[in-house]
Amino acid sequence: MTPVGATETGRGPETGLESWQVEARGIQIRLTQTSPDQAWAFYQARGFTLEQAEHYASSCVFMTVIRNIGATPIKHRLSDWRYVIEGGRSRPIRSKTEWEKYGHAAGSQSQPG
């Protein structure tokens, strides 16, 4: 049994993709790597150009799952979420609405950023 708040890690036997999971205070968070092929297909299916899909498929892409495993309702605001880039600077994640603002729909020629 894993201690409360400890991170469990795993690797898919067929894919080799890694996952990380933590449970604390009634919340479970799981991050799972996405393969470049999966990422490429995901972005292509949403109208990204070949270049844009390749840009993201060659980056670090992962799926996030958050579950309420407790009895108390949880609230979260994605606008408060951040990721840390090289050099320690934090940046906000982009919401679906923000992605749409950047013109990443079919026919867009702007570079993702």
C-alpha atoms as a PDB file:
ATOM      1  CA  MET A   1       0.000   0.000   0.000  1.00  0.00           C
ATOM      2  CA  THR A   2       1.269   3.466  -0.942  1.00  0.00           C
ATOM      3  CA  PRO A   3       1.356   6.133   1.808  1.00  0.00           C
ATOM      4  CA  VAL A   4      -1.194   8.954   1.476  1.00  0.00           C
ATOM      5  CA  GLY A   5       0.182  11.699  -0.768  1.00  0.00           C
ATOM      6  CA  ALA A   6       2.944   9.501  -2.224  1.00  0.00           C
ATOM      7  CA  THR A   7       3.260   9.351  -5.992  1.00  0.00           C
ATOM      8  CA  GLU A   8       2.706   5.984  -7.639  1.00  0.00           C
ATOM      9  CA  THR A   9       4.399   5.477 -10.983  1.00  0.00           C
ATOM     10  CA  GLY A  10       3.804   2.938 -13.688  1.00  0.00           C
ATOM     11  CA  ARG A  11       4.762   2.017 -17.217  1.00  0.00           C
ATOM     12  CA  GLY A  12       2.454   0.421 -19.771  1.00  0.00           C
ATOM     13  CA  PRO A  13       3.833  -3.033 -20.625  1.00  0.00           C
ATOM     14  CA  GLU A  14       2.919  -2.761 -24.316  1.00  0.00           C
ATOM     15  CA  THR A  15       3.503   0.962 -24.932  1.00  0.00           C
ATOM     16  CA  GLY A  16       6.247   1.833 -22.456  1.00  0.00           C
ATOM     17  CA  LEU A  17       4.360   5.044 -21.656  1.00  0.00           C
ATOM     18  CA  GLU A  18       4.702   6.287 -18.108  1.00  0.00           C
ATOM     19  CA  SER A  19       2.015   7.396 -15.666  1.00  0.00           C
ATOM     20  CA  TRP A  20       2.045   9.149 -12.305  1.00  0.00           C
ATOM     21  CA  GLN A  21      -0.743   9.088  -9.737  1.00  0.00           C
ATOM     22  CA  VAL A  22      -1.225  10.665  -6.349  1.00  0.00           C
ATOM     23  CA  GLU A  23      -4.108  10.486  -3.876  1.00  0.00           C
ATOM     24  CA  ALA A  24      -4.563  12.945  -1.045  1.00  0.00           C
ATOM     25  CA  ARG A  25      -7.466  14.494   0.855  1.00  0.00           C
ATOM     26  CA  GLY A  26     -10.114  12.734  -1.233  1.00  0.00           C
ATOM     27  CA  ILE A  27      -8.658  13.657  -4.618  1.00  0.00           C
ATOM     28  CA  GLN A  28      -6.870  11.423  -7.103  1.00  0.00           C
ATOM     29  CA  ILE A  29      -4.728  12.966  -9.849  1.00  0.00           C
ATOM     30  CA  ARG A  30      -3.285  10.853 -12.641  1.00  0.00           C
ATOM     31  CA  LEU A  31      -0.975  11.990 -15.438  1.00  0.00           C
ATOM     32  CA  THR A  32      -0.406   9.602 -18.337  1.00  0.00           C
ATOM     33  CA  GLN A  33       2.028  10.115 -21.190  1.00  0.00           C
ATOM     34  CA  THR A  34       0.557  10.234 -24.677  1.00  0.00           C
ATOM     35  CA  SER A  35       2.550   8.683 -27.520  1.00  0.00           C
ATOM     36  CA  PRO A  36       3.609  10.913 -30.421  1.00  0.00           C
ATOM     37  CA  ASP A  37       1.268   8.941 -32.727  1.00  0.00           C
ATOM     38  CA  GLN A  38      -1.668   9.472 -30.357  1.00  0.00           C
ATOM     39  CA  ALA A  39      -0.909  13.194 -30.025  1.00  0.00           C
ATOM     40  CA  TRP A  40      -0.511  13.601 -33.785  1.00  0.00           C
ATOM     41  CA  ALA A  41      -3.849  11.860 -34.476  1.00  0.00           C
ATOM     42  CA  PHE A  42      -5.597  13.918 -31.773  1.00  0.00           C
ATOM     43  CA  TYR A  43      -4.478  17.253 -33.253  1.00  0.00           C
ATOM     44  CA  GLN A  44      -5.022  16.207 -36.876  1.00  0.00           C
ATOM     45  CA  ALA A  45      -8.597  15.164 -36.020  1.00  0.00           C
ATOM     46  CA  ARG A  46      -9.202  18.672 -34.675  1.00  0.00           C
ATOM     47  CA  GLY A  47      -8.118  20.485 -37.801  1.00  0.00           C
ATOM     48  CA  PHE A  48      -4.527  21.396 -36.963  1.00  0.00           C
ATOM     49  CA  THR A  49      -2.165  21.685 -39.916  1.00  0.00           C
ATOM     50  CA  LEU A  50       0.410  18.923 -40.423  1.00  0.00           C
ATOM     51  CA  GLU A  51       3.143  21.233 -39.097  1.00  0.00           C
ATOM     52  CA  GLN A  52       1.142  22.173 -36.010  1.00  0.00           C
ATOM     53  CA  ALA A  53       0.265  18.548 -35.240  1.00  0.00           C
ATOM     54  CA  GLU A  54       3.914  17.553 -35.635  1.00  0.00           C
ATOM     55  CA  HIS A  55       5.015  20.384 -33.321  1.00  0.00           C
ATOM     56  CA  TYR A  56       2.842  19.048 -30.501  1.00  0.00           C
ATOM     57  CA  ALA A  57       3.386  15.361 -31.267  1.00  0.00           C
ATOM     58  CA  SER A  58       7.126  15.882 -30.807  1.00  0.00           C
ATOM     59  CA  SER A  59       6.593  17.645 -27.462  1.00  0.00           C
ATOM     60  CA  CYS A  60       5.765  16.254 -24.054  1.00  0.00           C
ATOM     61  CA  VAL A  61       2.043  15.482 -24.130  1.00  0.00           C
ATOM     62  CA  PHE A  62       0.080  13.843 -21.352  1.00  0.00           C
ATOM     63  CA  MET A  63      -3.492  13.198 -20.311  1.00  0.00           C
ATOM     64  CA  THR A  64      -4.731  14.469 -16.954  1.00  0.00           C
ATOM     65  CA  VAL A  65      -7.483  12.746 -14.982  1.00  0.00           C
ATOM     66  CA  ILE A  66      -8.791  14.159 -11.707  1.00  0.00           C
ATOM     67  CA  ARG A  67     -11.223  12.124  -9.619  1.00  0.00           C
ATOM     68  CA  ASN A  68     -13.090  12.926  -6.464  1.00  0.00           C
ATOM     69  CA  ILE A  69     -12.614   9.767  -4.399  1.00  0.00           C
ATOM     70  CA  GLY A  70     -13.863  11.395  -1.213  1.00  0.00           C
ATOM     71  CA  ALA A  71     -17.265  12.343   0.133  1.00  0.00           C
ATOM     72  CA  THR A  72     -16.838  16.131  -0.149  1.00  0.00           C
ATOM     73  CA  PRO A  73     -17.467  17.941  -3.451  1.00  0.00           C
ATOM     74  CA  ILE A  74     -14.343  19.513  -4.950  1.00  0.00           C
ATOM     75  CA  LYS A  75     -13.920  22.697  -6.942  1.00  0.00           C
ATOM     76  CA  HIS A  76     -11.022  23.730  -9.128  1.00  0.00           C
ATOM     77  CA  ARG A  77     -10.314  26.516 -11.582  1.00  0.00           C
ATOM     78  CA  LEU A  78      -8.198  25.642 -14.582  1.00  0.00           C
ATOM     79  CA  SER A  79      -7.307  29.324 -14.842  1.00  0.00           C
ATOM     80  CA  ASP A  80      -5.248  28.851 -11.650  1.00  0.00           C
ATOM     81  CA  TRP A  81      -3.243  25.918 -13.058  1.00  0.00           C
ATOM     82  CA  ARG A  82       0.380  26.472 -14.065  1.00  0.00           C
ATOM     83  CA  TYR A  83       3.244  24.497 -15.551  1.00  0.00           C
ATOM     84  CA  VAL A  84       6.920  25.242 -15.060  1.00  0.00           C
ATOM     85  CA  ILE A  85       9.286  25.647 -18.001  1.00  0.00           C
ATOM     86  CA  GLU A  86      13.048  25.439 -18.119  1.00  0.00           C
ATOM     87  CA  GLY A  87      14.520  28.137 -15.912  1.00  0.00           C
ATOM     88  CA  GLY A  88      11.730  27.835 -13.348  1.00  0.00           C
ATOM     89  CA  ARG A  89       9.233  30.239 -14.941  1.00  0.00           C
ATOM     90  CA  SER A  90       5.588  29.269 -14.625  1.00  0.00           C
ATOM     91  CA  ARG A  91       2.994  29.670 -17.334  1.00  0.00           C
ATOM     92  CA  PRO A  92      -0.773  29.151 -17.331  1.00  0.00           C
ATOM     93  CA  ILE A  93      -2.260  26.255 -19.255  1.00  0.00           C
ATOM     94  CA  ARG A  94      -4.532  27.112 -22.176  1.00  0.00           C
ATOM     95  CA  SER A  95      -8.243  26.431 -21.929  1.00  0.00           C
ATOM     96  CA  LYS A  96     -10.284  25.190 -24.868  1.00  0.00           C
ATOM     97  CA  THR A  97     -11.539  28.735 -25.406  1.00  0.00           C
ATOM     98  CA  GLU A  98      -7.971  30.073 -25.469  1.00  0.00           C
ATOM     99  CA  TRP A  99      -6.952  27.408 -27.995  1.00  0.00           C
ATOM    100  CA  GLU A 100      -9.788  28.568 -30.237  1.00  0.00           C
ATOM    101  CA  LYS A 101      -8.624  32.197 -29.905  1.00  0.00           C
ATOM    102  CA  TYR A 102      -5.200  31.199 -31.202  1.00  0.00           C
ATOM    103  CA  GLY A 103      -6.772  30.041 -34.448  1.00  0.00           C
ATOM    104  CA  HIS A 104      -5.717  26.421 -34.321  1.00  0.00           C
ATOM    105  CA  ALA A 105      -8.824  25.298 -36.209  1.00  0.00           C
ATOM    106  CA  ALA A 106      -8.773  23.901 -39.736  1.00  0.00           C
ATOM    107  CA  GLY A 107      -6.921  26.077 -42.216  1.00  0.00           C
ATOM    108  CA  SER A 108      -5.026  28.043 -39.577  1.00  0.00           C
ATOM    109  CA  GLN A 109      -1.461  28.828 -40.530  1.00  0.00           C
ATOM    110  CA  SER A 110      -0.399  30.378 -37.209  1.00  0.00           C
ATOM    111  CA  GLN A 111       2.272  28.558 -35.247  1.00  0.00           C
ATOM    112  CA  PRO A 112       1.266  27.106 -31.870  1.00  0.00           C
ATOM    113  CA  GLY A 113       3.050  28.533 -28.901  1.00  0.00           C
END
